[in-house]
Amino acid sequence: MVSVFMAAASAAQQQEAPKKGSGTEYTITIIPYYSPDKLWARFMPLVEYLRKTTGKPWELKLYPNHDSTIEAICSGDVSIALLGPVPLARSIEKCGVETLVVAISEDGKLFYHSVIVTIDPSIQSVTRLRGKQIGLFKGSTAAHVLPVRMLRTSGIGKGDFEPVFFEGQDRIMNALLSGEVDAAGMKDVLYRKFSDSRLRVLKTSEPLPNFAFVATPGLNSRTRALFSKALLKLKPEKNMADRKLLHDWDDEIRNGFVSPSATYRASVMDLLSTYREVMSDH
């Protein structure tokens, strides 16, 4: 049975919070970069694949924010989590999670970018965002930490703009397109999914390490290997059956996986200082 845990969920989704360490060794969570209903729809195919491939009762739990997701993986409420680089760095620092597999991007690369975008034709550069409202997702690598750093390097610091926080990058995009905010920070893959001709990129970040699945420190080696093997054998760039299988998976994980390189952990941990600087102001 798949369960959803969200502190601020709708009445239909609310349930008693699980006790610490109550998750099974086959429980997965996803860092909440989209709204819960969207994450549910996009990651159930993964859960079903794991059940069929491994014969184990995998389930999905979702949490309302980054802090509760990190607490879940570190306390053992879940055994495996898909995390972006900043939440991953925080989890490594907090409890020493182990990276199992790293997601491959659509272009075959192992990195992505954060972008600051707008639909306002009067805003032609980042410097024109002074005094504007900017949509962000608190704690997110692509939708908070890097956008704020890009603003700072462009001379726009704390107090020079009004941050407006949303729970999920899809909600940020909706707010931007409806004119609720003047600009927004988000992952480049989300920007590229929208065909709205009004969208324009004002600034792009340096390459950021891709999302990865990590294991809670207490997870046994057998289950770690079982999970990793099930994902590493998928080769959608070469195998038509795998490509068809992954078609309905979330964009983050539909292009296959690789084992983490020797430098992956260091590239993730390098973002911690930027995270702390940004969060100290927000």
C-alpha atoms as a PDB file:
ATOM      1  CA  MET A   1       0.000   0.000   0.000  1.00  0.00           C
ATOM      2  CA  VAL A   2       1.311   3.435  -0.880  1.00  0.00           C
ATOM      3  CA  SER A   3       0.894   6.110   1.769  1.00  0.00           C
ATOM      4  CA  VAL A   4       1.188   9.871   1.615  1.00  0.00           C
ATOM      5  CA  PHE A   5       2.220  11.861   4.692  1.00  0.00           C
ATOM      6  CA  MET A   6       1.890  15.640   4.474  1.00  0.00           C
ATOM      7  CA  ALA A   7       1.472  17.978   7.406  1.00  0.00           C
ATOM      8  CA  ALA A   8      -0.603  20.377   5.336  1.00  0.00           C
ATOM      9  CA  ALA A   9      -2.372  17.960   3.011  1.00  0.00           C
ATOM     10  CA  SER A  10      -5.998  18.086   2.002  1.00  0.00           C
ATOM     11  CA  ALA A  11      -8.501  16.292   4.213  1.00  0.00           C
ATOM     12  CA  ALA A  12      -8.560  13.349   1.860  1.00  0.00           C
ATOM     13  CA  GLN A  13      -4.821  12.967   2.137  1.00  0.00           C
ATOM     14  CA  GLN A  14      -4.361  13.593   5.882  1.00  0.00           C
ATOM     15  CA  GLN A  15      -3.347  10.735   8.132  1.00  0.00           C
ATOM     16  CA  GLU A  16      -1.609  10.220  11.451  1.00  0.00           C
ATOM     17  CA  ALA A  17       2.105  11.017  11.282  1.00  0.00           C
ATOM     18  CA  PRO A  18       4.224   7.859  11.362  1.00  0.00           C
ATOM     19  CA  LYS A  19       6.311   7.202  14.435  1.00  0.00           C
ATOM     20  CA  LYS A  20      10.023   7.816  14.105  1.00  0.00           C
ATOM     21  CA  GLY A  21      11.690   4.878  12.441  1.00  0.00           C
ATOM     22  CA  SER A  22       8.320   3.338  11.533  1.00  0.00           C
ATOM     23  CA  GLY A  23       8.989   3.050   7.814  1.00  0.00           C
ATOM     24  CA  THR A  24       9.793  -0.298   6.242  1.00  0.00           C
ATOM     25  CA  GLU A  25      13.054  -0.944   4.434  1.00  0.00           C
ATOM     26  CA  TYR A  26      11.114  -0.592   1.169  1.00  0.00           C
ATOM     27  CA  THR A  27       9.848   2.962   1.675  1.00  0.00           C
ATOM     28  CA  ILE A  28      10.806   5.775  -0.712  1.00  0.00           C
ATOM     29  CA  THR A  29      10.320   9.534  -0.499  1.00  0.00           C
ATOM     30  CA  ILE A  30      10.857  12.334  -2.997  1.00  0.00           C
ATOM     31  CA  ILE A  31      12.078  15.834  -2.186  1.00  0.00           C
ATOM     32  CA  PRO A  32       8.932  17.940  -2.764  1.00  0.00           C
ATOM     33  CA  TYR A  33       9.904  20.003  -5.811  1.00  0.00           C
ATOM     34  CA  TYR A  34       6.368  19.638  -7.191  1.00  0.00           C
ATOM     35  CA  SER A  35       2.948  19.575  -5.533  1.00  0.00           C
ATOM     36  CA  PRO A  36       2.017  16.277  -3.803  1.00  0.00           C
ATOM     37  CA  ASP A  37      -0.546  15.180  -6.367  1.00  0.00           C
ATOM     38  CA  LYS A  38       1.924  15.677  -9.202  1.00  0.00           C
ATOM     39  CA  LEU A  39       4.706  13.820  -7.395  1.00  0.00           C
ATOM     40  CA  TRP A  40       2.277  10.994  -6.693  1.00  0.00           C
ATOM     41  CA  ALA A  41       1.337  10.650 -10.352  1.00  0.00           C
ATOM     42  CA  ARG A  42       4.919  10.958 -11.605  1.00  0.00           C
ATOM     43  CA  PHE A  43       6.541   8.502  -9.184  1.00  0.00           C
ATOM     44  CA  MET A  44       3.947   5.741  -8.852  1.00  0.00           C
ATOM     45  CA  PRO A  45       5.261   4.120 -12.058  1.00  0.00           C
ATOM     46  CA  LEU A  46       8.684   3.837 -10.364  1.00  0.00           C
ATOM     47  CA  VAL A  47       7.137   2.202  -7.290  1.00  0.00           C
ATOM     48  CA  GLU A  48       5.207  -0.248  -9.450  1.00  0.00           C
ATOM     49  CA  TYR A  49       8.347  -1.080 -11.429  1.00  0.00           C
ATOM     50  CA  LEU A  50      10.318  -1.757  -8.238  1.00  0.00           C
ATOM     51  CA  ARG A  51       7.573  -4.004  -6.890  1.00  0.00           C
ATOM     52  CA  LYS A  52       7.463  -6.019 -10.081  1.00  0.00           C
ATOM     53  CA  THR A  53      11.228  -6.193 -10.569  1.00  0.00           C
ATOM     54  CA  THR A  54      12.289  -6.955  -7.007  1.00  0.00           C
ATOM     55  CA  GLY A  55       9.210  -8.709  -5.637  1.00  0.00           C
ATOM     56  CA  LYS A  56       9.288  -6.441  -2.585  1.00  0.00           C
ATOM     57  CA  PRO A  57       6.434  -4.282  -1.168  1.00  0.00           C
ATOM     58  CA  TRP A  58       7.811  -0.838  -2.046  1.00  0.00           C
ATOM     59  CA  GLU A  59       5.739   2.131  -0.921  1.00  0.00           C
ATOM     60  CA  LEU A  60       5.864   5.905  -1.312  1.00  0.00           C
ATOM     61  CA  LYS A  61       5.649   8.566   1.397  1.00  0.00           C
ATOM     62  CA  LEU A  62       5.626  12.288   0.692  1.00  0.00           C
ATOM     63  CA  TYR A  63       6.493  15.068   3.123  1.00  0.00           C
ATOM     64  CA  PRO A  64       5.531  18.766   2.957  1.00  0.00           C
ATOM     65  CA  ASN A  65       8.967  20.400   2.814  1.00  0.00           C
ATOM     66  CA  HIS A  66      12.717  19.899   2.686  1.00  0.00           C
ATOM     67  CA  ASP A  67      13.240  19.818   6.448  1.00  0.00           C
ATOM     68  CA  SER A  68      10.660  17.081   7.062  1.00  0.00           C
ATOM     69  CA  THR A  69      11.986  15.044   4.123  1.00  0.00           C
ATOM     70  CA  ILE A  70      15.557  15.216   5.434  1.00  0.00           C
ATOM     71  CA  GLU A  71      14.330  14.283   8.920  1.00  0.00           C
ATOM     72  CA  ALA A  72      12.477  11.295   7.451  1.00  0.00           C
ATOM     73  CA  ILE A  73      15.532   9.875   5.684  1.00  0.00           C
ATOM     74  CA  CYS A  74      17.828  10.519   8.650  1.00  0.00           C
ATOM     75  CA  SER A  75      15.435   9.073  11.261  1.00  0.00           C
ATOM     76  CA  GLY A  76      14.643   5.940   9.254  1.00  0.00           C
ATOM     77  CA  ASP A  77      10.998   6.800   8.583  1.00  0.00           C
ATOM     78  CA  VAL A  78      11.930   6.112   4.964  1.00  0.00           C
ATOM     79  CA  SER A  79      14.789   4.045   3.614  1.00  0.00           C
ATOM     80  CA  ILE A  80      15.503   5.740   0.283  1.00  0.00           C
ATOM     81  CA  ALA A  81      15.022   9.312  -0.955  1.00  0.00           C
ATOM     82  CA  LEU A  82      15.406  11.199  -4.205  1.00  0.00           C
ATOM     83  CA  LEU A  83      17.196  14.443  -3.338  1.00  0.00           C
ATOM     84  CA  GLY A  84      18.532  17.482  -5.141  1.00  0.00           C
ATOM     85  CA  PRO A  85      22.114  18.566  -4.407  1.00  0.00           C
ATOM     86  CA  VAL A  86      21.461  20.986  -1.513  1.00  0.00           C
ATOM     87  CA  PRO A  87      19.064  18.665   0.401  1.00  0.00           C
ATOM     88  CA  LEU A  88      21.530  15.860  -0.296  1.00  0.00           C
ATOM     89  CA  ALA A  89      24.424  17.871   1.136  1.00  0.00           C
ATOM     90  CA  ARG A  90      22.343  18.682   4.210  1.00  0.00           C
ATOM     91  CA  SER A  91      21.462  14.993   4.637  1.00  0.00           C
ATOM     92  CA  ILE A  92      25.084  13.930   4.314  1.00  0.00           C
ATOM     93  CA  GLU A  93      26.048  16.453   6.943  1.00  0.00           C
ATOM     94  CA  LYS A  94      23.152  15.524   9.257  1.00  0.00           C
ATOM     95  CA  CYS A  95      23.344  11.744   9.171  1.00  0.00           C
ATOM     96  CA  GLY A  96      25.762  10.496   6.516  1.00  0.00           C
ATOM     97  CA  VAL A  97      23.344   9.199   3.887  1.00  0.00           C
ATOM     98  CA  GLU A  98      24.888   7.152   1.075  1.00  0.00           C
ATOM     99  CA  THR A  99      24.351   8.032  -2.584  1.00  0.00           C
ATOM    100  CA  LEU A 100      23.141   4.957  -4.481  1.00  0.00           C
ATOM    101  CA  VAL A 101      22.534   6.146  -8.050  1.00  0.00           C
ATOM    102  CA  VAL A 102      22.631   9.484  -9.867  1.00  0.00           C
ATOM    103  CA  ALA A 103      19.997  10.433 -12.447  1.00  0.00           C
ATOM    104  CA  ILE A 104      21.047  11.137 -16.032  1.00  0.00           C
ATOM    105  CA  SER A 105      19.701  14.241 -17.783  1.00  0.00           C
ATOM    106  CA  GLU A 106      17.845  14.123 -21.091  1.00  0.00           C
ATOM    107  CA  ASP A 107      20.996  15.264 -22.887  1.00  0.00           C
ATOM    108  CA  GLY A 108      23.004  12.463 -21.284  1.00  0.00           C
ATOM    109  CA  LYS A 109      24.813  14.767 -18.869  1.00  0.00           C
ATOM    110  CA  LEU A 110      25.035  14.523 -15.098  1.00  0.00           C
ATOM    111  CA  PHE A 111      24.244  18.123 -14.299  1.00  0.00           C
ATOM    112  CA  TYR A 112      21.530  20.745 -14.715  1.00  0.00           C
ATOM    113  CA  HIS A 113      21.104  24.498 -14.261  1.00  0.00           C
ATOM    114  CA  SER A 114      19.032  26.932 -12.255  1.00  0.00           C
ATOM    115  CA  VAL A 115      17.432  29.763 -14.202  1.00  0.00           C
ATOM    116  CA  ILE A 116      15.767  33.055 -13.372  1.00  0.00           C
ATOM    117  CA  VAL A 117      12.857  33.625 -15.751  1.00  0.00           C
ATOM    118  CA  THR A 118      10.208  36.264 -16.397  1.00  0.00           C
ATOM    119  CA  ILE A 119       7.286  36.984 -18.714  1.00  0.00           C
ATOM    120  CA  ASP A 120       7.436  40.745 -18.246  1.00  0.00           C
ATOM    121  CA  PRO A 121       8.694  42.341 -21.491  1.00  0.00           C
ATOM    122  CA  SER A 122       9.885  45.399 -19.559  1.00  0.00           C
ATOM    123  CA  ILE A 123      12.383  43.269 -17.606  1.00  0.00           C
ATOM    124  CA  GLN A 124      15.289  42.771 -19.976  1.00  0.00           C
ATOM    125  CA  SER A 125      18.000  41.847 -17.478  1.00  0.00           C
ATOM    126  CA  VAL A 126      18.481  40.622 -13.921  1.00  0.00           C
ATOM    127  CA  THR A 127      19.401  44.136 -12.823  1.00  0.00           C
ATOM    128  CA  ARG A 128      15.835  45.231 -13.652  1.00  0.00           C
ATOM    129  CA  LEU A 129      14.539  42.949 -10.876  1.00  0.00           C
ATOM    130  CA  ARG A 130      15.372  45.479  -8.181  1.00  0.00           C
ATOM    131  CA  GLY A 131      12.187  46.112  -6.181  1.00  0.00           C
ATOM    132  CA  LYS A 132      10.338  43.251  -7.909  1.00  0.00           C
ATOM    133  CA  GLN A 133       8.574  40.187  -6.509  1.00  0.00           C
ATOM    134  CA  ILE A 134      10.418  36.944  -7.231  1.00  0.00           C
ATOM    135  CA  GLY A 135       8.887  33.482  -6.813  1.00  0.00           C
ATOM    136  CA  LEU A 136      11.038  30.979  -4.894  1.00  0.00           C
ATOM    137  CA  PHE A 137      10.752  27.596  -3.154  1.00  0.00           C
ATOM    138  CA  LYS A 138      12.471  27.803   0.237  1.00  0.00           C
ATOM    139  CA  GLY A 139      15.572  25.624   0.515  1.00  0.00           C
ATOM    140  CA  SER A 140      15.472  24.401  -3.083  1.00  0.00           C
ATOM    141  CA  THR A 141      18.761  24.316  -4.973  1.00  0.00           C
ATOM    142  CA  ALA A 142      17.358  25.534  -8.287  1.00  0.00           C
ATOM    143  CA  ALA A 143      14.415  27.560  -7.013  1.00  0.00           C
ATOM    144  CA  HIS A 144      15.964  29.395  -4.067  1.00  0.00           C
ATOM    145  CA  VAL A 145      19.658  28.960  -3.288  1.00  0.00           C
ATOM    146  CA  LEU A 146      21.073  29.497  -6.774  1.00  0.00           C
ATOM    147  CA  PRO A 147      18.611  32.210  -7.884  1.00  0.00           C
ATOM    148  CA  VAL A 148      19.456  34.281  -4.804  1.00  0.00           C
ATOM    149  CA  ARG A 149      23.163  33.806  -5.426  1.00  0.00           C
ATOM    150  CA  MET A 150      22.732  34.878  -9.057  1.00  0.00           C
ATOM    151  CA  LEU A 151      20.861  37.963  -7.900  1.00  0.00           C
ATOM    152  CA  ARG A 152      23.643  38.810  -5.464  1.00  0.00           C
ATOM    153  CA  THR A 153      26.351  38.495  -8.108  1.00  0.00           C
ATOM    154  CA  SER A 154      24.294  40.916 -10.204  1.00  0.00           C
ATOM    155  CA  GLY A 155      24.259  43.470  -7.400  1.00  0.00           C
ATOM    156  CA  ILE A 156      20.787  42.692  -6.037  1.00  0.00           C
ATOM    157  CA  GLY A 157      21.066  41.769  -2.375  1.00  0.00           C
ATOM    158  CA  LYS A 158      18.820  41.323   0.609  1.00  0.00           C
ATOM    159  CA  GLY A 159      16.146  44.005   0.687  1.00  0.00           C
ATOM    160  CA  ASP A 160      16.528  44.827  -3.005  1.00  0.00           C
ATOM    161  CA  PHE A 161      13.716  42.447  -4.031  1.00  0.00           C
ATOM    162  CA  GLU A 162      10.698  40.806  -2.424  1.00  0.00           C
ATOM    163  CA  PRO A 163      10.905  36.996  -2.181  1.00  0.00           C
ATOM    164  CA  VAL A 164       7.556  35.219  -2.511  1.00  0.00           C
ATOM    165  CA  PHE A 165       7.730  31.592  -1.400  1.00  0.00           C
ATOM    166  CA  PHE A 166       5.664  28.744  -2.852  1.00  0.00           C
ATOM    167  CA  GLU A 167       5.517  25.036  -2.006  1.00  0.00           C
ATOM    168  CA  GLY A 168       6.748  23.471  -5.218  1.00  0.00           C
ATOM    169  CA  GLN A 169       8.261  24.618  -8.495  1.00  0.00           C
ATOM    170  CA  ASP A 170       5.083  23.919 -10.462  1.00  0.00           C
ATOM    171  CA  ARG A 171       3.288  26.416  -8.210  1.00  0.00           C
ATOM    172  CA  ILE A 172       6.060  28.929  -8.850  1.00  0.00           C
ATOM    173  CA  MET A 173       5.527  28.567 -12.591  1.00  0.00           C
ATOM    174  CA  ASN A 174       1.758  28.971 -12.208  1.00  0.00           C
ATOM    175  CA  ALA A 175       2.302  32.147 -10.186  1.00  0.00           C
ATOM    176  CA  LEU A 176       4.689  33.529 -12.784  1.00  0.00           C
ATOM    177  CA  LEU A 177       2.401  32.821 -15.721  1.00  0.00           C
ATOM    178  CA  SER A 178      -0.581  34.351 -13.915  1.00  0.00           C
ATOM    179  CA  GLY A 179       1.342  37.536 -13.113  1.00  0.00           C
ATOM    180  CA  GLU A 180       1.389  36.928  -9.365  1.00  0.00           C
ATOM    181  CA  VAL A 181       5.171  37.475  -9.347  1.00  0.00           C
ATOM    182  CA  ASP A 182       7.484  39.398 -11.671  1.00  0.00           C
ATOM    183  CA  ALA A 183      10.114  36.692 -12.044  1.00  0.00           C
ATOM    184  CA  ALA A 184      10.968  33.280 -10.627  1.00  0.00           C
ATOM    185  CA  GLY A 185      13.805  30.885  -9.971  1.00  0.00           C
ATOM    186  CA  MET A 186      13.465  27.289 -11.113  1.00  0.00           C
ATOM    187  CA  LYS A 187      15.175  24.291 -12.635  1.00  0.00           C
ATOM    188  CA  ASP A 188      15.918  24.604 -16.332  1.00  0.00           C
ATOM    189  CA  VAL A 189      14.038  21.408 -17.168  1.00  0.00           C
ATOM    190  CA  LEU A 190      10.803  22.941 -15.862  1.00  0.00           C
ATOM    191  CA  TYR A 191      11.304  26.082 -17.924  1.00  0.00           C
ATOM    192  CA  ARG A 192      11.900  24.006 -21.055  1.00  0.00           C
ATOM    193  CA  LYS A 193       8.678  22.036 -20.536  1.00  0.00           C
ATOM    194  CA  PHE A 194       6.562  25.136 -21.087  1.00  0.00           C
ATOM    195  CA  SER A 195       5.967  26.402 -24.603  1.00  0.00           C
ATOM    196  CA  ASP A 196       4.706  29.801 -23.479  1.00  0.00           C
ATOM    197  CA  SER A 197       6.467  32.264 -25.759  1.00  0.00           C
ATOM    198  CA  ARG A 198       6.372  34.934 -23.058  1.00  0.00           C
ATOM    199  CA  LEU A 199       8.926  33.082 -20.933  1.00  0.00           C
ATOM    200  CA  ARG A 200      12.456  34.435 -21.097  1.00  0.00           C
ATOM    201  CA  VAL A 201      15.589  33.411 -19.215  1.00  0.00           C
ATOM    202  CA  LEU A 202      17.343  36.323 -17.524  1.00  0.00           C
ATOM    203  CA  LYS A 203      20.237  34.377 -16.034  1.00  0.00           C
ATOM    204  CA  THR A 204      21.526  30.788 -15.921  1.00  0.00           C
ATOM    205  CA  SER A 205      23.606  29.248 -13.151  1.00  0.00           C
ATOM    206  CA  GLU A 206      26.748  27.189 -13.353  1.00  0.00           C
ATOM    207  CA  PRO A 207      26.286  23.402 -13.753  1.00  0.00           C
ATOM    208  CA  LEU A 208      24.789  21.697 -10.682  1.00  0.00           C
ATOM    209  CA  PRO A 209      25.093  17.981  -9.828  1.00  0.00           C
ATOM    210  CA  ASN A 210      22.004  16.006 -10.788  1.00  0.00           C
ATOM    211  CA  PHE A 211      19.447  14.568  -8.400  1.00  0.00           C
ATOM    212  CA  ALA A 212      20.303  11.234  -6.777  1.00  0.00           C
ATOM    213  CA  PHE A 213      18.689   8.438  -4.806  1.00  0.00           C
ATOM    214  CA  VAL A 214      20.236   8.035  -1.365  1.00  0.00           C
ATOM    215  CA  ALA A 215      19.896   5.466   1.415  1.00  0.00           C
ATOM    216  CA  THR A 216      19.354   6.043   5.107  1.00  0.00           C
ATOM    217  CA  PRO A 217      22.440   5.051   7.118  1.00  0.00           C
ATOM    218  CA  GLY A 218      20.712   2.054   8.709  1.00  0.00           C
ATOM    219  CA  LEU A 219      19.512   0.436   5.492  1.00  0.00           C
ATOM    220  CA  ASN A 220      21.006  -3.019   4.983  1.00  0.00           C
ATOM    221  CA  SER A 221      23.392  -3.671   2.097  1.00  0.00           C
ATOM    222  CA  ARG A 222      21.073  -6.247   0.507  1.00  0.00           C
ATOM    223  CA  THR A 223      18.249  -3.744   0.003  1.00  0.00           C
ATOM    224  CA  ARG A 224      20.679  -1.041  -1.171  1.00  0.00           C
ATOM    225  CA  ALA A 225      22.036  -3.418  -3.813  1.00  0.00           C
ATOM    226  CA  LEU A 226      18.547  -4.590  -4.800  1.00  0.00           C
ATOM    227  CA  PHE A 227      17.361  -1.023  -5.389  1.00  0.00           C
ATOM    228  CA  SER A 228      20.494   0.100  -7.217  1.00  0.00           C
ATOM    229  CA  LYS A 229      20.566  -2.936  -9.495  1.00  0.00           C
ATOM    230  CA  ALA A 230      16.927  -2.430 -10.489  1.00  0.00           C
ATOM    231  CA  LEU A 231      17.638   1.139 -11.666  1.00  0.00           C
ATOM    232  CA  LEU A 232      21.133   0.742 -13.099  1.00  0.00           C
ATOM    233  CA  LYS A 233      19.986  -1.960 -15.504  1.00  0.00           C
ATOM    234  CA  LEU A 234      17.601   0.481 -17.215  1.00  0.00           C
ATOM    235  CA  LYS A 235      19.154   1.806 -20.452  1.00  0.00           C
ATOM    236  CA  PRO A 236      16.507   3.962 -22.165  1.00  0.00           C
ATOM    237  CA  GLU A 237      19.039   5.573 -24.512  1.00  0.00           C
ATOM    238  CA  LYS A 238      19.830   2.149 -26.010  1.00  0.00           C
ATOM    239  CA  ASN A 239      16.857  -0.082 -25.273  1.00  0.00           C
ATOM    240  CA  MET A 240      13.460   0.702 -26.807  1.00  0.00           C
ATOM    241  CA  ALA A 241      11.592  -1.380 -24.210  1.00  0.00           C
ATOM    242  CA  ASP A 242      13.235   0.577 -21.391  1.00  0.00           C
ATOM    243  CA  ARG A 243      12.470   3.862 -23.141  1.00  0.00           C
ATOM    244  CA  LYS A 244       8.816   2.889 -23.377  1.00  0.00           C
ATOM    245  CA  LEU A 245       8.781   1.768 -19.740  1.00  0.00           C
ATOM    246  CA  LEU A 246      10.214   5.072 -18.507  1.00  0.00           C
ATOM    247  CA  HIS A 247       8.051   7.280 -20.734  1.00  0.00           C
ATOM    248  CA  ASP A 248       5.562   8.100 -17.963  1.00  0.00           C
ATOM    249  CA  TRP A 249       8.170   8.476 -15.222  1.00  0.00           C
ATOM    250  CA  ASP A 250       9.080  11.903 -13.916  1.00  0.00           C
ATOM    251  CA  ASP A 251      11.503  13.929 -16.026  1.00  0.00           C
ATOM    252  CA  GLU A 252      14.122  13.674 -13.280  1.00  0.00           C
ATOM    253  CA  ILE A 253      14.400   9.901 -13.571  1.00  0.00           C
ATOM    254  CA  ARG A 254      13.252   8.891 -17.044  1.00  0.00           C
ATOM    255  CA  ASN A 255      16.700   8.966 -18.679  1.00  0.00           C
ATOM    256  CA  GLY A 256      18.443   6.277 -16.666  1.00  0.00           C
ATOM    257  CA  PHE A 257      21.004   6.215 -13.883  1.00  0.00           C
ATOM    258  CA  VAL A 258      24.688   5.780 -13.159  1.00  0.00           C
ATOM    259  CA  SER A 259      26.663   5.016 -10.039  1.00  0.00           C
ATOM    260  CA  PRO A 260      28.043   8.151  -8.353  1.00  0.00           C
ATOM    261  CA  SER A 261      31.469   9.236  -9.531  1.00  0.00           C
ATOM    262  CA  ALA A 262      34.407   9.752  -7.195  1.00  0.00           C
ATOM    263  CA  THR A 263      33.809  13.521  -7.333  1.00  0.00           C
ATOM    264  CA  TYR A 264      30.018  13.553  -6.992  1.00  0.00           C
ATOM    265  CA  ARG A 265      29.906  13.861  -3.207  1.00  0.00           C
ATOM    266  CA  ALA A 266      32.419  16.727  -3.190  1.00  0.00           C
ATOM    267  CA  SER A 267      30.470  18.630  -5.867  1.00  0.00           C
ATOM    268  CA  VAL A 268      27.338  18.313  -3.737  1.00  0.00           C
ATOM    269  CA  MET A 269      29.017  19.374  -0.494  1.00  0.00           C
ATOM    270  CA  ASP A 270      30.461  22.469  -2.202  1.00  0.00           C
ATOM    271  CA  LEU A 271      26.928  23.948  -2.215  1.00  0.00           C
ATOM    272  CA  LEU A 272      26.525  23.906   1.570  1.00  0.00           C
ATOM    273  CA  SER A 273      28.237  27.237   2.186  1.00  0.00           C
ATOM    274  CA  THR A 274      26.043  28.951  -0.405  1.00  0.00           C
ATOM    275  CA  TYR A 275      22.959  27.381   1.165  1.00  0.00           C
ATOM    276  CA  ARG A 276      23.889  28.700   4.596  1.00  0.00           C
ATOM    277  CA  GLU A 277      24.549  32.204   3.279  1.00  0.00           C
ATOM    278  CA  VAL A 278      21.208  32.344   1.501  1.00  0.00           C
ATOM    279  CA  MET A 279      19.181  30.856   4.366  1.00  0.00           C
ATOM    280  CA  SER A 280      20.687  33.262   6.862  1.00  0.00           C
ATOM    281  CA  ASP A 281      18.904  36.048   4.974  1.00  0.00           C
ATOM    282  CA  HIS A 282      15.649  34.214   4.293  1.00  0.00           C
END
